[in-house]
Amino acid sequence: MQRRKKKTGRIIGWTWLALVLILIGVEAIHAFEGGRYRLLTLGELWFRLDQAAGTGSLNMTQAIIQRHISVWLWESVIQNVLIIPAWGVFGITGLILIWRRRNPDRPSGLRR
């Protein structure tokens, strides 16, 4: 089971790193077309995907968090996460998923 989890994590990690290359390519294309470089933030990516799919998930998530959890959480934490470059978020989590280490004290394949 542990081996399957590790393999799934690596597949997701490599997929996210491929997404990072795509996002950097999109930023480069926009820079060549517009004449200036502008980062694609996580919030802008979510907004664009939300508009393309027509789901309204960004607004719905904001409303749920502000009404049922905390206005402070949305305004102080989540908004700051949404302004991080999208390639940075997916790149860091992709690298973590690829290179995470298993517990060295526990031999692989044996259950305790």
C-alpha atoms as a PDB file:
ATOM      1  CA  MET A   1       0.000   0.000   0.000  1.00  0.00           C
ATOM      2  CA  GLN A   2       2.827   2.384   0.898  1.00  0.00           C
ATOM      3  CA  ARG A   3       4.498   1.735  -2.463  1.00  0.00           C
ATOM      4  CA  ARG A   4       1.283   2.541  -4.337  1.00  0.00           C
ATOM      5  CA  LYS A   5       0.860   5.810  -2.427  1.00  0.00           C
ATOM      6  CA  LYS A   6       4.430   6.803  -3.201  1.00  0.00           C
ATOM      7  CA  LYS A   7       3.997   5.962  -6.884  1.00  0.00           C
ATOM      8  CA  THR A   8       0.725   7.911  -7.088  1.00  0.00           C
ATOM      9  CA  GLY A   9       2.367  10.885  -5.401  1.00  0.00           C
ATOM     10  CA  ARG A  10       5.204  10.816  -7.908  1.00  0.00           C
ATOM     11  CA  ILE A  11       2.808  10.637 -10.847  1.00  0.00           C
ATOM     12  CA  ILE A  12       0.885  13.633  -9.518  1.00  0.00           C
ATOM     13  CA  GLY A  13       4.175  15.434  -8.836  1.00  0.00           C
ATOM     14  CA  TRP A  14       5.445  14.906 -12.395  1.00  0.00           C
ATOM     15  CA  THR A  15       2.059  15.974 -13.763  1.00  0.00           C
ATOM     16  CA  TRP A  16       2.216  19.181 -11.743  1.00  0.00           C
ATOM     17  CA  LEU A  17       5.763  19.858 -12.964  1.00  0.00           C
ATOM     18  CA  ALA A  18       4.507  19.440 -16.545  1.00  0.00           C
ATOM     19  CA  LEU A  19       1.779  21.946 -15.687  1.00  0.00           C
ATOM     20  CA  VAL A  20       4.488  24.315 -14.424  1.00  0.00           C
ATOM     21  CA  LEU A  21       6.172  24.194 -17.835  1.00  0.00           C
ATOM     22  CA  ILE A  22       2.847  24.947 -19.505  1.00  0.00           C
ATOM     23  CA  LEU A  23       2.195  27.892 -17.153  1.00  0.00           C
ATOM     24  CA  ILE A  24       5.662  29.319 -17.763  1.00  0.00           C
ATOM     25  CA  GLY A  25       5.040  28.929 -21.504  1.00  0.00           C
ATOM     26  CA  VAL A  26       1.746  30.807 -21.211  1.00  0.00           C
ATOM     27  CA  GLU A  27       3.496  33.621 -19.329  1.00  0.00           C
ATOM     28  CA  ALA A  28       6.232  33.750 -21.987  1.00  0.00           C
ATOM     29  CA  ILE A  29       3.700  33.917 -24.819  1.00  0.00           C
ATOM     30  CA  HIS A  30       1.835  36.734 -23.079  1.00  0.00           C
ATOM     31  CA  ALA A  31       5.141  38.553 -22.544  1.00  0.00           C
ATOM     32  CA  PHE A  32       6.052  38.301 -26.239  1.00  0.00           C
ATOM     33  CA  GLU A  33       2.584  39.379 -27.350  1.00  0.00           C
ATOM     34  CA  GLY A  34       2.161  42.227 -24.872  1.00  0.00           C
ATOM     35  CA  GLY A  35       5.742  43.419 -24.688  1.00  0.00           C
ATOM     36  CA  ARG A  36       5.964  43.064 -20.902  1.00  0.00           C
ATOM     37  CA  TYR A  37       6.150  40.183 -18.453  1.00  0.00           C
ATOM     38  CA  ARG A  38       3.329  39.611 -15.982  1.00  0.00           C
ATOM     39  CA  LEU A  39       3.001  36.713 -13.571  1.00  0.00           C
ATOM     40  CA  LEU A  40      -0.021  34.450 -13.761  1.00  0.00           C
ATOM     41  CA  THR A  41      -1.219  34.140 -10.169  1.00  0.00           C
ATOM     42  CA  LEU A  42      -3.028  31.172  -8.682  1.00  0.00           C
ATOM     43  CA  GLY A  43      -6.176  33.281  -8.256  1.00  0.00           C
ATOM     44  CA  GLU A  44      -6.101  34.446 -11.868  1.00  0.00           C
ATOM     45  CA  LEU A  45      -5.625  30.863 -13.088  1.00  0.00           C
ATOM     46  CA  TRP A  46      -8.557  29.716 -10.956  1.00  0.00           C
ATOM     47  CA  PHE A  47     -10.654  32.634 -12.271  1.00  0.00           C
ATOM     48  CA  ARG A  48      -9.816  31.838 -15.910  1.00  0.00           C
ATOM     49  CA  LEU A  49     -10.571  28.134 -15.489  1.00  0.00           C
ATOM     50  CA  ASP A  50     -13.748  29.018 -13.621  1.00  0.00           C
ATOM     51  CA  GLN A  51     -14.894  31.320 -16.440  1.00  0.00           C
ATOM     52  CA  ALA A  52     -14.085  28.706 -19.089  1.00  0.00           C
ATOM     53  CA  ALA A  53     -16.002  25.994 -17.244  1.00  0.00           C
ATOM     54  CA  GLY A  54     -18.804  28.313 -16.137  1.00  0.00           C
ATOM     55  CA  THR A  55     -18.917  26.810 -12.651  1.00  0.00           C
ATOM     56  CA  GLY A  56     -18.634  29.839 -10.372  1.00  0.00           C
ATOM     57  CA  SER A  57     -16.515  27.845  -7.922  1.00  0.00           C
ATOM     58  CA  LEU A  58     -14.259  30.762  -6.965  1.00  0.00           C
ATOM     59  CA  ASN A  59     -17.166  32.960  -5.879  1.00  0.00           C
ATOM     60  CA  MET A  60     -18.918  30.024  -4.224  1.00  0.00           C
ATOM     61  CA  THR A  61     -15.773  29.110  -2.272  1.00  0.00           C
ATOM     62  CA  GLN A  62     -15.340  32.707  -1.150  1.00  0.00           C
ATOM     63  CA  ALA A  63     -18.960  32.920  -0.005  1.00  0.00           C
ATOM     64  CA  ILE A  64     -18.821  29.616   1.886  1.00  0.00           C
ATOM     65  CA  ILE A  65     -15.588  30.498   3.673  1.00  0.00           C
ATOM     66  CA  GLN A  66     -16.676  34.019   4.576  1.00  0.00           C
ATOM     67  CA  ARG A  67     -20.171  33.075   5.744  1.00  0.00           C
ATOM     68  CA  HIS A  68     -19.614  29.723   7.409  1.00  0.00           C
ATOM     69  CA  ILE A  69     -15.983  29.675   8.507  1.00  0.00           C
ATOM     70  CA  SER A  70     -14.376  33.103   8.888  1.00  0.00           C
ATOM     71  CA  VAL A  71     -14.090  36.377   7.020  1.00  0.00           C
ATOM     72  CA  TRP A  72     -10.588  36.703   8.462  1.00  0.00           C
ATOM     73  CA  LEU A  73      -9.528  33.377   6.908  1.00  0.00           C
ATOM     74  CA  TRP A  74     -10.511  34.532   3.413  1.00  0.00           C
ATOM     75  CA  GLU A  75      -9.122  38.058   3.681  1.00  0.00           C
ATOM     76  CA  SER A  76      -5.892  37.331   5.542  1.00  0.00           C
ATOM     77  CA  VAL A  77      -4.873  33.860   4.439  1.00  0.00           C
ATOM     78  CA  ILE A  78      -6.555  32.683   1.244  1.00  0.00           C
ATOM     79  CA  GLN A  79      -6.283  35.986  -0.630  1.00  0.00           C
ATOM     80  CA  ASN A  80      -2.546  35.989   0.079  1.00  0.00           C
ATOM     81  CA  VAL A  81      -2.251  32.433  -1.248  1.00  0.00           C
ATOM     82  CA  LEU A  82      -4.183  33.381  -4.393  1.00  0.00           C
ATOM     83  CA  ILE A  83      -1.647  36.091  -5.318  1.00  0.00           C
ATOM     84  CA  ILE A  84       1.272  33.631  -5.395  1.00  0.00           C
ATOM     85  CA  PRO A  85       2.481  32.762  -8.920  1.00  0.00           C
ATOM     86  CA  ALA A  86       0.669  29.653 -10.106  1.00  0.00           C
ATOM     87  CA  TRP A  87       3.846  27.978 -11.345  1.00  0.00           C
ATOM     88  CA  GLY A  88       5.398  28.428  -7.890  1.00  0.00           C
ATOM     89  CA  VAL A  89       2.548  26.707  -6.092  1.00  0.00           C
ATOM     90  CA  PHE A  90       2.411  23.752  -8.474  1.00  0.00           C
ATOM     91  CA  GLY A  91       6.200  23.568  -8.772  1.00  0.00           C
ATOM     92  CA  ILE A  92       6.907  23.417  -5.052  1.00  0.00           C
ATOM     93  CA  THR A  93       4.155  20.892  -4.325  1.00  0.00           C
ATOM     94  CA  GLY A  94       5.191  18.832  -7.357  1.00  0.00           C
ATOM     95  CA  LEU A  95       8.792  18.672  -6.140  1.00  0.00           C
ATOM     96  CA  ILE A  96       7.645  17.722  -2.641  1.00  0.00           C
ATOM     97  CA  LEU A  97       5.518  14.893  -4.039  1.00  0.00           C
ATOM     98  CA  ILE A  98       8.354  13.591  -6.200  1.00  0.00           C
ATOM     99  CA  TRP A  99      11.192  13.715  -3.684  1.00  0.00           C
ATOM    100  CA  ARG A 100       9.508  12.970  -0.384  1.00  0.00           C
ATOM    101  CA  ARG A 101      11.390  10.383   1.625  1.00  0.00           C
ATOM    102  CA  ARG A 102       9.870   7.371   3.270  1.00  0.00           C
ATOM    103  CA  ASN A 103      10.535   6.579   6.906  1.00  0.00           C
ATOM    104  CA  PRO A 104      14.096   5.129   7.044  1.00  0.00           C
ATOM    105  CA  ASP A 105      13.349   3.195  10.268  1.00  0.00           C
ATOM    106  CA  ARG A 106      10.586   1.195   8.617  1.00  0.00           C
ATOM    107  CA  PRO A 107      11.644  -1.427   6.081  1.00  0.00           C
ATOM    108  CA  SER A 108       9.636  -1.273   2.880  1.00  0.00           C
ATOM    109  CA  GLY A 109       7.066  -4.014   2.337  1.00  0.00           C
ATOM    110  CA  LEU A 110       6.724  -4.957   6.018  1.00  0.00           C
ATOM    111  CA  ARG A 111       3.828  -4.021   8.260  1.00  0.00           C
ATOM    112  CA  ARG A 112       4.075  -3.494  11.981  1.00  0.00           C
END
